[in-house]
């Protein structure tokens, strides 16, 4: 059964599509929000009490959602608001969401830690929740990663890439048995195998010519109608 809803980002592979950025550095759990009428980035509470579970917290407004996308040929990411503006930061640590085009100020490196995720800007400073005039605000001028620089990021479960199951390769002898069974024309269920050792197959495998080598070995049996 496929996963549904919003789940925690666990690796860089999960950083795709819409995301929801949460912070515990405020009095109550909050999320980063954009504004439809200004370049302002703010923190809005997402809970009414202390009785909640993170897994149940989901966005309730488009302003709380950003679309993350990897920068081409880079390990950094861009974050676009629902209003088609990108989160950026100047050299003084002022964070805004006002540009419809991206530059280095809109690039963020995502750092994974056991306690959450940190965002580093192009000036090697970290996104942080800071207190100014009695209010908690978002800045990006922290030199180190601490409690105020750690965020919980959630994304849509449907966007999680399925892990590829590694299929164990059969031994050469078994592969040749399969090949002979498929093409051999002796009939009556009789199986005749080449009597050569496997050194030539091993060398052929390394050079990417294993199937041609198997064909040559079958041809020597003079029993395979596909070899002529």
N, C-alpha and C. Protein backbone atom coordinates (compact mmCIF):
# COMPACT_ATOMS: atom_id res chain seq x y z
N UNK A 1 0.86 -1.20 0.00
CA UNK A 1 0.00 0.00 0.00
C UNK A 1 0.89 1.24 0.00
N UNK A 2 0.71 2.16 -0.95
CA UNK A 2 1.56 3.34 -1.03
C UNK A 2 1.35 4.29 0.15
N UNK A 3 2.42 5.01 0.48
CA UNK A 3 2.33 5.99 1.56
C UNK A 3 1.47 7.16 1.13
N UNK A 4 0.83 7.79 2.10
CA UNK A 4 -0.02 8.94 1.81
C UNK A 4 0.26 10.06 2.80
N UNK A 5 -0.19 11.26 2.44
CA UNK A 5 -0.06 12.40 3.35
C UNK A 5 1.32 13.02 3.34
N UNK A 6 1.63 13.71 4.45
CA UNK A 6 2.91 14.40 4.60
C UNK A 6 3.78 13.62 5.57
N UNK A 7 5.00 13.31 5.15
CA UNK A 7 5.92 12.54 5.98
C UNK A 7 7.26 13.26 6.07
N UNK A 8 8.07 12.84 7.05
CA UNK A 8 9.36 13.49 7.28
C UNK A 8 10.35 13.22 6.14
N UNK A 9 11.07 14.25 5.75
CA UNK A 9 12.17 14.09 4.81
C UNK A 9 13.29 13.35 5.52
N UNK A 10 13.80 12.29 4.90
CA UNK A 10 14.85 11.48 5.53
C UNK A 10 16.16 11.49 4.76
N UNK A 11 16.12 11.88 3.49
CA UNK A 11 17.34 11.92 2.69
C UNK A 11 17.17 12.93 1.57
N UNK A 12 18.26 13.20 0.87
CA UNK A 12 18.21 14.18 -0.22
C UNK A 12 17.25 13.73 -1.33
N UNK A 13 17.03 12.43 -1.45
CA UNK A 13 16.10 11.92 -2.47
C UNK A 13 14.66 12.37 -2.19
N UNK A 14 14.37 12.69 -0.92
CA UNK A 14 13.02 13.13 -0.55
C UNK A 14 12.80 14.62 -0.84
N UNK A 15 13.87 15.33 -1.16
CA UNK A 15 13.75 16.77 -1.38
C UNK A 15 13.28 17.04 -2.80
N UNK A 16 12.01 16.86 -2.98
CA UNK A 16 11.40 17.07 -4.30
C UNK A 16 9.94 17.48 -4.13
N UNK A 17 9.52 18.43 -4.93
CA UNK A 17 8.13 18.86 -4.87
C UNK A 17 7.81 19.72 -3.65
N UNK A 18 6.53 19.78 -3.25
CA UNK A 18 6.10 20.61 -2.13
C UNK A 18 6.69 20.13 -0.79
N UNK A 19 7.14 21.08 0.02
CA UNK A 19 7.63 20.77 1.36
C UNK A 19 7.01 21.71 2.38
N UNK A 20 7.14 21.33 3.64
CA UNK A 20 6.53 22.03 4.79
C UNK A 20 7.63 22.11 5.85
N UNK A 21 8.06 23.34 6.21
CA UNK A 21 9.23 23.52 7.07
C UNK A 21 8.79 23.94 8.48
N UNK A 22 9.09 23.12 9.47
CA UNK A 22 8.65 23.34 10.85
C UNK A 22 9.82 23.67 11.76
N UNK A 23 9.53 24.45 12.82
CA UNK A 23 10.54 24.80 13.81
C UNK A 23 9.99 24.63 15.22
N UNK A 24 10.84 24.08 16.09
CA UNK A 24 10.49 23.93 17.51
C UNK A 24 11.12 25.03 18.34
N UNK A 25 11.78 25.98 17.69
CA UNK A 25 12.49 27.03 18.43
C UNK A 25 11.56 28.12 18.92
N UNK A 26 10.32 28.09 18.51
CA UNK A 26 9.33 29.05 18.99
C UNK A 26 8.57 28.45 20.18
N UNK A 27 7.79 29.28 20.85
CA UNK A 27 7.07 28.80 22.05
C UNK A 27 6.18 27.61 21.71
N UNK A 28 5.52 27.69 20.57
CA UNK A 28 4.73 26.57 20.06
C UNK A 28 5.24 26.20 18.68
N UNK A 29 5.08 24.96 18.30
CA UNK A 29 5.55 24.51 17.01
C UNK A 29 5.03 25.44 15.92
N UNK A 30 5.94 25.87 15.05
CA UNK A 30 5.56 26.83 14.00
C UNK A 30 6.12 26.39 12.66
N UNK A 31 5.67 27.07 11.62
CA UNK A 31 6.17 26.76 10.28
C UNK A 31 6.55 28.05 9.57
N UNK A 32 7.41 27.92 8.58
CA UNK A 32 7.82 29.07 7.77
C UNK A 32 6.74 29.35 6.73
N UNK A 33 6.37 30.62 6.61
CA UNK A 33 5.30 31.02 5.68
C UNK A 33 5.74 32.17 4.78
N UNK A 34 5.17 32.20 3.60
CA UNK A 34 5.39 33.33 2.68
C UNK A 34 4.16 34.22 2.73
N UNK A 35 4.23 35.35 2.05
CA UNK A 35 3.11 36.30 2.05
C UNK A 35 2.75 36.63 0.61
N UNK A 36 1.46 36.64 0.30
CA UNK A 36 1.02 36.87 -1.07
C UNK A 36 1.20 38.31 -1.53
N UNK A 37 1.29 39.25 -0.58
CA UNK A 37 1.33 40.66 -0.94
C UNK A 37 2.66 41.34 -0.67
N UNK A 38 3.59 40.62 -0.08
CA UNK A 38 4.89 41.22 0.22
C UNK A 38 5.99 40.18 0.11
N UNK A 39 7.21 40.60 0.37
CA UNK A 39 8.35 39.69 0.31
C UNK A 39 8.63 39.07 1.68
N UNK A 40 7.73 39.28 2.61
CA UNK A 40 7.94 38.87 3.99
C UNK A 40 7.92 37.36 4.17
N UNK A 41 8.84 36.88 5.01
CA UNK A 41 8.87 35.48 5.45
C UNK A 41 8.61 35.49 6.95
N UNK A 42 7.66 34.70 7.39
CA UNK A 42 7.30 34.73 8.81
C UNK A 42 7.18 33.33 9.38
N UNK A 43 6.98 33.28 10.70
CA UNK A 43 6.77 32.03 11.42
C UNK A 43 5.35 32.04 11.99
N UNK A 44 4.57 31.05 11.63
CA UNK A 44 3.20 30.96 12.11
C UNK A 44 3.01 29.67 12.89
N UNK A 45 2.35 29.77 14.04
CA UNK A 45 2.09 28.59 14.85
C UNK A 45 1.17 27.62 14.11
N UNK A 46 1.44 26.33 14.29
CA UNK A 46 0.60 25.32 13.63
C UNK A 46 -0.14 24.44 14.64
N UNK A 47 0.01 24.76 15.94
CA UNK A 47 -0.69 23.99 16.98
C UNK A 47 -1.32 24.94 17.98
N UNK A 48 -2.38 24.47 18.65
CA UNK A 48 -3.06 25.26 19.66
C UNK A 48 -2.65 24.88 21.08
N UNK A 49 -2.05 23.70 21.22
CA UNK A 49 -1.65 23.24 22.55
C UNK A 49 -0.39 22.40 22.42
N UNK A 50 0.08 21.87 23.54
CA UNK A 50 1.27 21.02 23.54
C UNK A 50 0.91 19.56 23.28
N UNK A 51 -0.36 19.29 23.14
CA UNK A 51 -0.81 17.91 22.94
C UNK A 51 -0.97 17.62 21.44
N UNK A 52 0.12 17.23 20.82
CA UNK A 52 0.07 16.93 19.40
C UNK A 52 1.17 15.93 19.05
N UNK A 53 1.05 15.34 17.88
CA UNK A 53 2.06 14.45 17.34
C UNK A 53 2.52 15.01 16.00
N UNK A 54 3.83 15.04 15.79
CA UNK A 54 4.40 15.61 14.57
C UNK A 54 3.80 14.97 13.32
N UNK A 55 3.57 13.67 13.38
CA UNK A 55 3.08 12.98 12.19
C UNK A 55 1.70 13.48 11.74
N UNK A 56 0.97 14.11 12.67
CA UNK A 56 -0.37 14.60 12.35
C UNK A 56 -0.37 16.04 11.86
N UNK A 57 0.77 16.70 11.93
CA UNK A 57 0.84 18.12 11.53
C UNK A 57 1.01 18.22 10.02
N UNK A 58 0.10 18.91 9.37
CA UNK A 58 0.13 19.10 7.91
C UNK A 58 -0.18 20.56 7.58
N UNK A 59 0.17 21.02 6.39
CA UNK A 59 -0.12 22.41 6.01
C UNK A 59 -1.63 22.64 5.95
N UNK A 60 -2.02 23.85 6.32
CA UNK A 60 -3.44 24.22 6.26
C UNK A 60 -3.67 25.39 5.31
N UNK A 61 -2.58 25.91 4.72
CA UNK A 61 -2.69 27.05 3.82
C UNK A 61 -1.53 26.99 2.83
N UNK A 62 -1.75 27.46 1.61
CA UNK A 62 -0.70 27.40 0.59
C UNK A 62 0.52 28.23 0.97
N UNK A 63 0.35 29.23 1.82
CA UNK A 63 1.48 30.07 2.24
C UNK A 63 2.49 29.29 3.06
N UNK A 64 2.08 28.13 3.58
CA UNK A 64 2.96 27.30 4.39
C UNK A 64 3.75 26.30 3.56
N UNK A 65 3.51 26.28 2.28
CA UNK A 65 4.14 25.28 1.41
C UNK A 65 5.13 25.93 0.46
N UNK A 66 6.28 25.28 0.29
CA UNK A 66 7.29 25.71 -0.67
C UNK A 66 7.64 24.53 -1.56
N UNK A 67 8.01 24.83 -2.78
CA UNK A 67 8.42 23.77 -3.71
C UNK A 67 9.94 23.79 -3.78
N UNK A 68 10.54 22.64 -3.49
CA UNK A 68 12.00 22.56 -3.48
C UNK A 68 12.48 21.87 -4.74
N UNK A 69 13.58 22.40 -5.28
CA UNK A 69 14.14 21.83 -6.51
C UNK A 69 15.65 21.99 -6.48
N UNK A 70 16.34 20.92 -6.87
CA UNK A 70 17.80 20.96 -6.88
C UNK A 70 18.31 21.88 -7.99
N UNK A 71 19.34 22.65 -7.66
CA UNK A 71 19.99 23.50 -8.66
C UNK A 71 20.78 22.60 -9.61
N UNK A 72 20.66 22.84 -10.90
CA UNK A 72 21.34 22.02 -11.90
C UNK A 72 22.85 22.02 -11.66
N UNK A 73 23.43 20.80 -11.71
CA UNK A 73 24.88 20.62 -11.53
C UNK A 73 25.37 21.18 -10.20
N UNK A 74 24.56 21.03 -9.16
CA UNK A 74 24.92 21.55 -7.84
C UNK A 74 24.29 20.68 -6.76
N UNK A 75 24.83 20.81 -5.55
CA UNK A 75 24.25 20.11 -4.40
C UNK A 75 23.25 21.00 -3.66
N UNK A 76 23.07 22.22 -4.15
CA UNK A 76 22.18 23.18 -3.50
C UNK A 76 20.76 23.08 -4.06
N UNK A 77 19.83 23.78 -3.36
CA UNK A 77 18.42 23.73 -3.74
C UNK A 77 17.83 25.14 -3.78
N UNK A 78 16.75 25.29 -4.53
CA UNK A 78 15.93 26.51 -4.52
C UNK A 78 14.61 26.20 -3.84
N UNK A 79 14.06 27.20 -3.17
CA UNK A 79 12.77 27.06 -2.48
C UNK A 79 11.80 28.11 -3.02
N UNK A 80 10.76 27.66 -3.69
CA UNK A 80 9.80 28.58 -4.30
C UNK A 80 8.49 28.57 -3.55
N UNK A 81 7.94 29.74 -3.29
CA UNK A 81 6.68 29.86 -2.56
C UNK A 81 5.51 29.56 -3.47
N UNK A 82 4.34 29.50 -2.88
CA UNK A 82 3.11 29.27 -3.65
C UNK A 82 2.80 30.47 -4.54
N UNK A 83 3.50 31.58 -4.32
CA UNK A 83 3.27 32.79 -5.09
C UNK A 83 4.38 33.02 -6.12
N UNK A 84 5.10 31.92 -6.43
CA UNK A 84 6.14 31.92 -7.46
C UNK A 84 7.30 32.87 -7.17
N UNK A 85 7.61 33.03 -5.91
CA UNK A 85 8.78 33.81 -5.49
C UNK A 85 9.73 32.87 -4.75
N UNK A 86 11.02 33.16 -4.81
CA UNK A 86 12.03 32.29 -4.21
C UNK A 86 12.57 32.86 -2.90
N UNK A 87 12.76 31.98 -1.94
CA UNK A 87 13.37 32.40 -0.68
C UNK A 87 14.84 32.70 -0.92
N UNK A 88 15.24 33.91 -0.53
CA UNK A 88 16.63 34.31 -0.70
C UNK A 88 17.14 34.99 0.55
N UNK A 89 18.42 35.31 0.54
CA UNK A 89 19.04 35.94 1.71
C UNK A 89 20.18 36.83 1.26
N UNK A 90 20.26 38.04 1.83
CA UNK A 90 21.38 38.92 1.49
C UNK A 90 22.55 38.68 2.43
N UNK A 91 23.63 39.41 2.22
CA UNK A 91 24.86 39.20 3.00
C UNK A 91 24.71 39.61 4.46
N UNK A 92 23.64 40.33 4.78
CA UNK A 92 23.41 40.75 6.16
C UNK A 92 22.53 39.75 6.92
N UNK A 93 22.06 38.71 6.23
CA UNK A 93 21.25 37.70 6.89
C UNK A 93 19.75 37.95 6.80
N UNK A 94 19.35 38.96 6.03
CA UNK A 94 17.93 39.27 5.88
C UNK A 94 17.32 38.28 4.87
N UNK A 95 16.31 37.56 5.33
CA UNK A 95 15.64 36.57 4.49
C UNK A 95 14.36 37.17 3.91
N UNK A 96 14.16 36.96 2.63
CA UNK A 96 12.95 37.48 1.97
C UNK A 96 12.50 36.49 0.90
N UNK A 97 11.35 36.77 0.34
CA UNK A 97 10.81 35.91 -0.72
C UNK A 97 10.20 36.85 -1.76
N UNK A 98 11.07 37.42 -2.60
CA UNK A 98 10.61 38.47 -3.50
C UNK A 98 11.01 38.29 -4.95
N UNK A 99 11.97 37.44 -5.24
CA UNK A 99 12.45 37.31 -6.61
C UNK A 99 11.78 36.16 -7.36
N UNK A 100 11.41 36.44 -8.61
CA UNK A 100 10.83 35.41 -9.45
C UNK A 100 11.90 34.66 -10.24
N UNK A 101 13.11 35.16 -10.18
CA UNK A 101 14.25 34.49 -10.81
C UNK A 101 15.22 34.08 -9.71
N UNK A 102 16.09 33.12 -10.02
CA UNK A 102 17.02 32.63 -9.00
C UNK A 102 18.45 33.03 -9.31
N UNK A 103 19.18 33.33 -8.23
CA UNK A 103 20.61 33.62 -8.30
C UNK A 103 21.26 32.92 -7.13
N UNK A 104 22.51 33.26 -6.85
CA UNK A 104 23.22 32.60 -5.74
C UNK A 104 22.56 32.88 -4.39
N UNK A 105 21.90 34.03 -4.26
CA UNK A 105 21.25 34.35 -2.98
C UNK A 105 20.02 33.48 -2.73
N UNK A 106 19.55 32.83 -3.76
CA UNK A 106 18.38 31.94 -3.61
C UNK A 106 18.79 30.47 -3.54
N UNK A 107 20.08 30.21 -3.37
CA UNK A 107 20.56 28.84 -3.27
C UNK A 107 20.80 28.45 -1.82
N UNK A 108 20.36 27.24 -1.47
CA UNK A 108 20.48 26.75 -0.10
C UNK A 108 21.04 25.33 -0.08
N UNK A 109 22.03 25.13 0.75
CA UNK A 109 22.56 23.78 0.95
C UNK A 109 21.78 23.15 2.10
N UNK A 110 21.33 21.93 1.90
CA UNK A 110 20.54 21.23 2.92
C UNK A 110 21.45 20.25 3.66
N UNK A 111 21.53 20.42 4.98
CA UNK A 111 22.42 19.60 5.80
C UNK A 111 21.59 18.70 6.71
N UNK A 112 21.81 17.40 6.59
CA UNK A 112 21.07 16.43 7.39
C UNK A 112 21.82 16.11 8.68
N UNK A 113 21.08 16.15 9.78
CA UNK A 113 21.62 15.79 11.10
C UNK A 113 20.62 14.86 11.79
N UNK A 114 21.08 14.23 12.86
CA UNK A 114 20.19 13.32 13.59
C UNK A 114 18.98 14.04 14.17
N UNK A 115 19.17 15.31 14.53
CA UNK A 115 18.08 16.06 15.16
C UNK A 115 17.24 16.86 14.17
N UNK A 116 17.55 16.80 12.90
CA UNK A 116 16.75 17.53 11.92
C UNK A 116 17.57 18.00 10.73
N UNK A 117 17.13 19.09 10.14
CA UNK A 117 17.75 19.61 8.92
C UNK A 117 18.13 21.07 9.10
N UNK A 118 19.30 21.44 8.57
CA UNK A 118 19.75 22.83 8.60
C UNK A 118 19.90 23.33 7.16
N UNK A 119 19.71 24.64 6.97
CA UNK A 119 19.84 25.25 5.66
C UNK A 119 20.98 26.26 5.69
N UNK A 120 21.93 26.10 4.78
CA UNK A 120 23.07 27.03 4.71
C UNK A 120 22.99 27.85 3.44
N UNK A 121 23.16 29.17 3.57
CA UNK A 121 23.05 30.04 2.40
C UNK A 121 24.39 30.16 1.67
N UNK A 122 24.42 30.97 0.63
CA UNK A 122 25.62 31.12 -0.19
C UNK A 122 26.73 31.89 0.51
N UNK A 123 26.41 32.47 1.67
CA UNK A 123 27.42 33.19 2.47
C UNK A 123 27.94 32.32 3.61
N UNK A 124 27.62 31.02 3.55
CA UNK A 124 28.05 30.06 4.58
C UNK A 124 27.46 30.38 5.96
N UNK A 125 26.28 30.95 5.97
CA UNK A 125 25.55 31.21 7.20
C UNK A 125 24.29 30.33 7.22
N UNK A 126 23.79 30.08 8.43
CA UNK A 126 22.67 29.16 8.57
C UNK A 126 21.35 29.87 8.85
N UNK A 127 20.30 29.31 8.26
CA UNK A 127 18.95 29.79 8.53
C UNK A 127 18.66 29.56 10.01
N UNK A 128 18.09 30.56 10.66
CA UNK A 128 17.88 30.47 12.11
C UNK A 128 16.59 31.16 12.53
N UNK A 129 16.08 30.76 13.67
CA UNK A 129 14.93 31.42 14.29
C UNK A 129 15.49 32.32 15.38
N UNK A 130 15.32 33.62 15.22
CA UNK A 130 15.95 34.58 16.11
C UNK A 130 14.89 35.49 16.75
N UNK A 131 15.19 35.99 17.92
CA UNK A 131 14.26 36.90 18.60
C UNK A 131 14.65 38.34 18.34
N UNK A 132 13.69 39.12 17.85
CA UNK A 132 13.90 40.54 17.61
C UNK A 132 12.69 41.32 18.10
N UNK A 133 12.95 42.25 19.01
CA UNK A 133 11.87 43.08 19.57
C UNK A 133 10.75 42.22 20.14
N UNK A 134 11.13 41.15 20.81
CA UNK A 134 10.16 40.28 21.47
C UNK A 134 9.41 39.36 20.55
N UNK A 135 9.84 39.29 19.28
CA UNK A 135 9.15 38.44 18.31
C UNK A 135 10.16 37.52 17.64
N UNK A 136 9.75 36.27 17.40
CA UNK A 136 10.62 35.30 16.75
C UNK A 136 10.53 35.48 15.24
N UNK A 137 11.69 35.65 14.60
CA UNK A 137 11.74 35.89 13.16
C UNK A 137 12.74 34.94 12.51
N UNK A 138 12.66 34.87 11.19
CA UNK A 138 13.59 34.05 10.41
C UNK A 138 14.71 34.93 9.88
N UNK A 139 15.95 34.51 10.15
CA UNK A 139 17.12 35.17 9.61
C UNK A 139 18.06 34.10 9.05
N UNK A 140 19.18 34.52 8.50
CA UNK A 140 20.16 33.56 7.99
C UNK A 140 21.56 34.12 8.20
N UNK A 141 21.90 34.32 9.47
CA UNK A 141 23.21 34.88 9.80
C UNK A 141 23.90 34.14 10.94
N UNK A 142 23.50 32.91 11.16
CA UNK A 142 24.10 32.13 12.24
C UNK A 142 25.36 31.42 11.73
N UNK A 143 26.39 31.42 12.57
CA UNK A 143 27.66 30.78 12.19
C UNK A 143 27.69 29.29 12.51
N UNK A 144 26.83 28.85 13.40
CA UNK A 144 26.84 27.45 13.83
C UNK A 144 25.43 26.88 13.81
N UNK A 145 25.37 25.56 13.91
CA UNK A 145 24.07 24.88 13.95
C UNK A 145 23.75 24.50 15.38
N UNK A 146 22.64 25.02 15.87
CA UNK A 146 22.16 24.69 17.21
C UNK A 146 20.66 24.45 17.15
N UNK A 147 20.04 24.51 18.29
CA UNK A 147 18.60 24.25 18.38
C UNK A 147 17.79 25.18 17.47
N UNK A 148 18.18 26.45 17.40
CA UNK A 148 17.44 27.44 16.62
C UNK A 148 17.68 27.31 15.12
N UNK A 149 18.68 26.53 14.73
CA UNK A 149 18.99 26.36 13.31
C UNK A 149 18.50 25.01 12.75
N UNK A 150 17.83 24.24 13.58
CA UNK A 150 17.36 22.93 13.17
C UNK A 150 15.87 22.99 12.82
N UNK A 151 15.53 22.42 11.68
CA UNK A 151 14.14 22.40 11.22
C UNK A 151 13.71 20.97 10.90
N UNK A 152 12.42 20.75 11.02
CA UNK A 152 11.83 19.49 10.60
C UNK A 152 11.15 19.78 9.26
N UNK A 153 11.48 18.99 8.25
CA UNK A 153 10.91 19.20 6.92
C UNK A 153 10.07 18.00 6.54
N UNK A 154 8.86 18.28 6.08
CA UNK A 154 7.95 17.23 5.64
C UNK A 154 7.68 17.42 4.14
N UNK A 155 7.39 16.31 3.48
CA UNK A 155 7.05 16.37 2.06
C UNK A 155 5.94 15.38 1.78
N UNK A 156 5.42 15.41 0.58
CA UNK A 156 4.30 14.54 0.24
C UNK A 156 4.79 13.12 -0.02
N UNK A 157 4.20 12.19 0.72
CA UNK A 157 4.65 10.80 0.68
C UNK A 157 4.66 10.22 -0.73
N UNK A 158 3.72 10.65 -1.55
CA UNK A 158 3.62 10.11 -2.91
C UNK A 158 4.84 10.42 -3.76
N UNK A 159 5.65 11.39 -3.32
CA UNK A 159 6.84 11.76 -4.07
C UNK A 159 8.09 10.99 -3.67
N UNK A 160 7.94 10.11 -2.68
CA UNK A 160 9.12 9.32 -2.27
C UNK A 160 9.45 8.30 -3.35
N UNK A 161 10.68 8.33 -3.77
CA UNK A 161 11.12 7.41 -4.81
C UNK A 161 11.22 6.00 -4.25
N UNK A 162 10.75 5.06 -5.03
CA UNK A 162 10.86 3.66 -4.62
C UNK A 162 12.30 3.21 -4.71
N UNK A 163 12.76 2.55 -3.66
CA UNK A 163 14.12 2.05 -3.66
C UNK A 163 14.22 0.84 -4.58
N UNK A 164 15.23 0.87 -5.41
CA UNK A 164 15.45 -0.24 -6.32
C UNK A 164 15.99 -1.45 -5.57
N UNK A 165 15.35 -2.58 -5.80
CA UNK A 165 15.80 -3.82 -5.16
C UNK A 165 16.93 -4.40 -6.00
N UNK A 166 18.06 -4.58 -5.37
CA UNK A 166 19.22 -5.12 -6.07
C UNK A 166 19.06 -6.62 -6.26
N UNK A 167 19.05 -7.03 -7.52
CA UNK A 167 18.91 -8.45 -7.83
C UNK A 167 20.29 -9.08 -7.88
N UNK A 168 20.46 -10.12 -7.08
CA UNK A 168 21.76 -10.79 -7.03
C UNK A 168 22.01 -11.53 -8.34
N UNK A 169 23.17 -11.28 -8.92
CA UNK A 169 23.50 -11.90 -10.19
C UNK A 169 23.80 -13.38 -10.02
N UNK A 170 23.31 -14.18 -10.95
CA UNK A 170 23.56 -15.62 -10.91
C UNK A 170 25.02 -15.92 -11.23
N UNK A 171 25.54 -17.03 -10.69
CA UNK A 171 26.91 -17.46 -11.06
C UNK A 171 26.98 -17.72 -12.56
N UNK A 172 28.19 -17.65 -13.13
CA UNK A 172 28.35 -17.85 -14.56
C UNK A 172 27.81 -19.20 -15.02
N UNK A 173 28.04 -20.24 -14.22
CA UNK A 173 27.60 -21.58 -14.61
C UNK A 173 26.07 -21.61 -14.75
N UNK A 174 25.37 -20.97 -13.80
CA UNK A 174 23.91 -20.94 -13.85
C UNK A 174 23.42 -20.12 -15.04
N UNK A 175 24.12 -19.03 -15.33
CA UNK A 175 23.74 -18.22 -16.48
C UNK A 175 23.89 -18.99 -17.78
N UNK A 176 24.96 -19.81 -17.85
CA UNK A 176 25.16 -20.58 -19.07
C UNK A 176 24.13 -21.70 -19.19
N UNK A 177 23.75 -22.30 -18.07
CA UNK A 177 22.69 -23.31 -18.10
C UNK A 177 21.40 -22.70 -18.65
N UNK A 178 21.06 -21.51 -18.16
CA UNK A 178 19.85 -20.84 -18.65
C UNK A 178 19.94 -20.57 -20.15
N UNK A 179 21.14 -20.15 -20.61
CA UNK A 179 21.33 -19.86 -22.02
C UNK A 179 21.19 -21.10 -22.87
N UNK A 180 21.80 -22.21 -22.41
CA UNK A 180 21.73 -23.46 -23.17
C UNK A 180 20.31 -24.00 -23.20
N UNK A 181 19.63 -23.93 -22.07
CA UNK A 181 18.24 -24.41 -22.02
C UNK A 181 17.36 -23.63 -22.99
N UNK A 182 17.64 -22.35 -23.12
CA UNK A 182 16.79 -21.50 -23.95
C UNK A 182 17.00 -21.78 -25.44
N UNK A 183 18.25 -22.02 -25.85
CA UNK A 183 18.54 -22.10 -27.27
C UNK A 183 18.88 -23.52 -27.78
N UNK A 184 19.21 -24.43 -26.89
CA UNK A 184 19.66 -25.75 -27.33
C UNK A 184 18.54 -26.52 -28.03
N UNK A 185 18.91 -27.32 -29.01
CA UNK A 185 17.89 -28.02 -29.79
C UNK A 185 18.08 -29.54 -29.78
N UNK A 186 18.63 -30.09 -28.70
CA UNK A 186 18.81 -31.53 -28.63
C UNK A 186 17.47 -32.25 -28.49
N UNK A 187 16.54 -31.66 -27.74
CA UNK A 187 15.23 -32.29 -27.55
C UNK A 187 15.24 -33.35 -26.47
N UNK A 188 14.05 -33.88 -26.18
CA UNK A 188 13.87 -34.92 -25.17
C UNK A 188 14.36 -34.50 -23.79
N UNK A 189 14.42 -33.20 -23.53
CA UNK A 189 14.82 -32.73 -22.22
C UNK A 189 16.29 -32.93 -21.91
N UNK A 190 17.08 -33.36 -22.91
CA UNK A 190 18.50 -33.63 -22.68
C UNK A 190 19.29 -32.32 -22.68
N UNK A 191 20.15 -32.18 -21.70
CA UNK A 191 20.95 -30.96 -21.55
C UNK A 191 22.42 -31.28 -21.81
N UNK A 192 22.99 -30.63 -22.80
CA UNK A 192 24.41 -30.82 -23.12
C UNK A 192 25.12 -29.49 -22.89
N UNK A 193 26.12 -29.52 -22.03
CA UNK A 193 26.83 -28.30 -21.67
C UNK A 193 28.21 -28.27 -22.32
N UNK A 194 28.72 -27.08 -22.61
CA UNK A 194 30.09 -26.96 -23.12
C UNK A 194 31.07 -27.54 -22.11
N UNK A 195 32.15 -28.15 -22.61
CA UNK A 195 33.10 -28.76 -21.68
C UNK A 195 34.30 -27.88 -21.39
N UNK A 196 34.28 -26.62 -21.90
CA UNK A 196 35.38 -25.71 -21.60
C UNK A 196 35.26 -25.17 -20.17
N UNK A 197 36.40 -24.69 -19.63
CA UNK A 197 36.34 -24.05 -18.32
C UNK A 197 35.74 -22.65 -18.48
N UNK A 198 35.66 -21.93 -17.39
CA UNK A 198 34.96 -20.64 -17.41
C UNK A 198 35.88 -19.43 -17.50
N UNK A 199 37.18 -19.69 -17.72
CA UNK A 199 38.10 -18.55 -17.78
C UNK A 199 37.76 -17.61 -18.93
N UNK A 200 37.38 -18.21 -20.09
CA UNK A 200 37.05 -17.35 -21.23
C UNK A 200 35.79 -16.54 -20.98
N UNK A 201 34.81 -17.14 -20.25
CA UNK A 201 33.59 -16.40 -19.92
C UNK A 201 33.87 -15.26 -18.95
N UNK A 202 34.74 -15.52 -17.99
CA UNK A 202 35.08 -14.46 -17.02
C UNK A 202 35.74 -13.28 -17.72
N UNK A 203 36.66 -13.59 -18.64
CA UNK A 203 37.33 -12.53 -19.39
C UNK A 203 36.34 -11.78 -20.27
N UNK A 204 35.43 -12.55 -20.90
CA UNK A 204 34.42 -11.92 -21.76
C UNK A 204 33.49 -11.02 -20.97
N UNK A 205 33.15 -11.46 -19.75
CA UNK A 205 32.26 -10.65 -18.91
C UNK A 205 32.90 -9.31 -18.57
N UNK A 206 34.20 -9.35 -18.27
CA UNK A 206 34.90 -8.11 -17.93
C UNK A 206 34.95 -7.15 -19.10
N UNK A 207 34.99 -7.70 -20.32
CA UNK A 207 35.08 -6.85 -21.51
C UNK A 207 33.71 -6.53 -22.10
N UNK A 208 32.65 -7.03 -21.43
CA UNK A 208 31.29 -6.75 -21.90
C UNK A 208 30.86 -7.60 -23.08
N UNK A 209 31.51 -8.76 -23.28
CA UNK A 209 31.18 -9.61 -24.43
C UNK A 209 30.79 -11.02 -23.99
N UNK A 210 30.15 -11.14 -22.82
CA UNK A 210 29.82 -12.45 -22.29
C UNK A 210 28.83 -13.20 -23.16
N UNK A 211 27.81 -12.50 -23.68
CA UNK A 211 26.79 -13.17 -24.48
C UNK A 211 27.38 -13.71 -25.79
N UNK A 212 28.32 -12.95 -26.38
CA UNK A 212 28.99 -13.43 -27.59
C UNK A 212 29.81 -14.67 -27.28
N UNK A 213 30.47 -14.68 -26.11
CA UNK A 213 31.28 -15.84 -25.72
C UNK A 213 30.41 -17.07 -25.51
N UNK A 214 29.23 -16.88 -24.90
CA UNK A 214 28.31 -18.01 -24.70
C UNK A 214 27.84 -18.55 -26.04
N UNK A 215 27.62 -17.65 -26.99
CA UNK A 215 27.21 -18.07 -28.32
C UNK A 215 28.28 -18.94 -28.96
N UNK A 216 29.55 -18.52 -28.82
CA UNK A 216 30.66 -19.30 -29.38
C UNK A 216 30.73 -20.67 -28.73
N UNK A 217 30.51 -20.73 -27.42
CA UNK A 217 30.58 -22.01 -26.71
C UNK A 217 29.44 -22.94 -27.15
N UNK A 218 28.25 -22.38 -27.37
CA UNK A 218 27.14 -23.20 -27.83
C UNK A 218 27.37 -23.69 -29.25
N UNK A 219 27.99 -22.83 -30.06
CA UNK A 219 28.22 -23.18 -31.45
C UNK A 219 29.12 -24.43 -31.55
N UNK A 220 30.07 -24.55 -30.62
CA UNK A 220 30.97 -25.69 -30.63
C UNK A 220 30.24 -27.00 -30.34
N UNK A 221 29.04 -26.89 -29.70
CA UNK A 221 28.25 -28.10 -29.46
C UNK A 221 27.55 -28.58 -30.73
N UNK A 222 27.47 -27.68 -31.75
CA UNK A 222 26.82 -27.98 -33.02
C UNK A 222 25.39 -28.53 -32.78
N UNK A 223 24.73 -27.93 -31.80
CA UNK A 223 23.38 -28.39 -31.48
C UNK A 223 22.38 -27.28 -31.43
N UNK A 224 22.84 -26.07 -31.72
CA UNK A 224 21.99 -24.89 -31.54
C UNK A 224 21.66 -24.28 -32.89
N UNK A 225 20.40 -24.35 -33.26
CA UNK A 225 19.99 -23.85 -34.57
C UNK A 225 20.14 -22.34 -34.68
N UNK A 226 20.27 -21.62 -33.52
CA UNK A 226 20.39 -20.17 -33.54
C UNK A 226 21.84 -19.73 -33.78
N UNK A 227 22.77 -20.69 -33.77
CA UNK A 227 24.19 -20.33 -33.89
C UNK A 227 24.67 -20.26 -35.33
N UNK A 228 23.87 -20.69 -36.24
CA UNK A 228 24.31 -20.74 -37.64
C UNK A 228 23.57 -19.68 -38.46
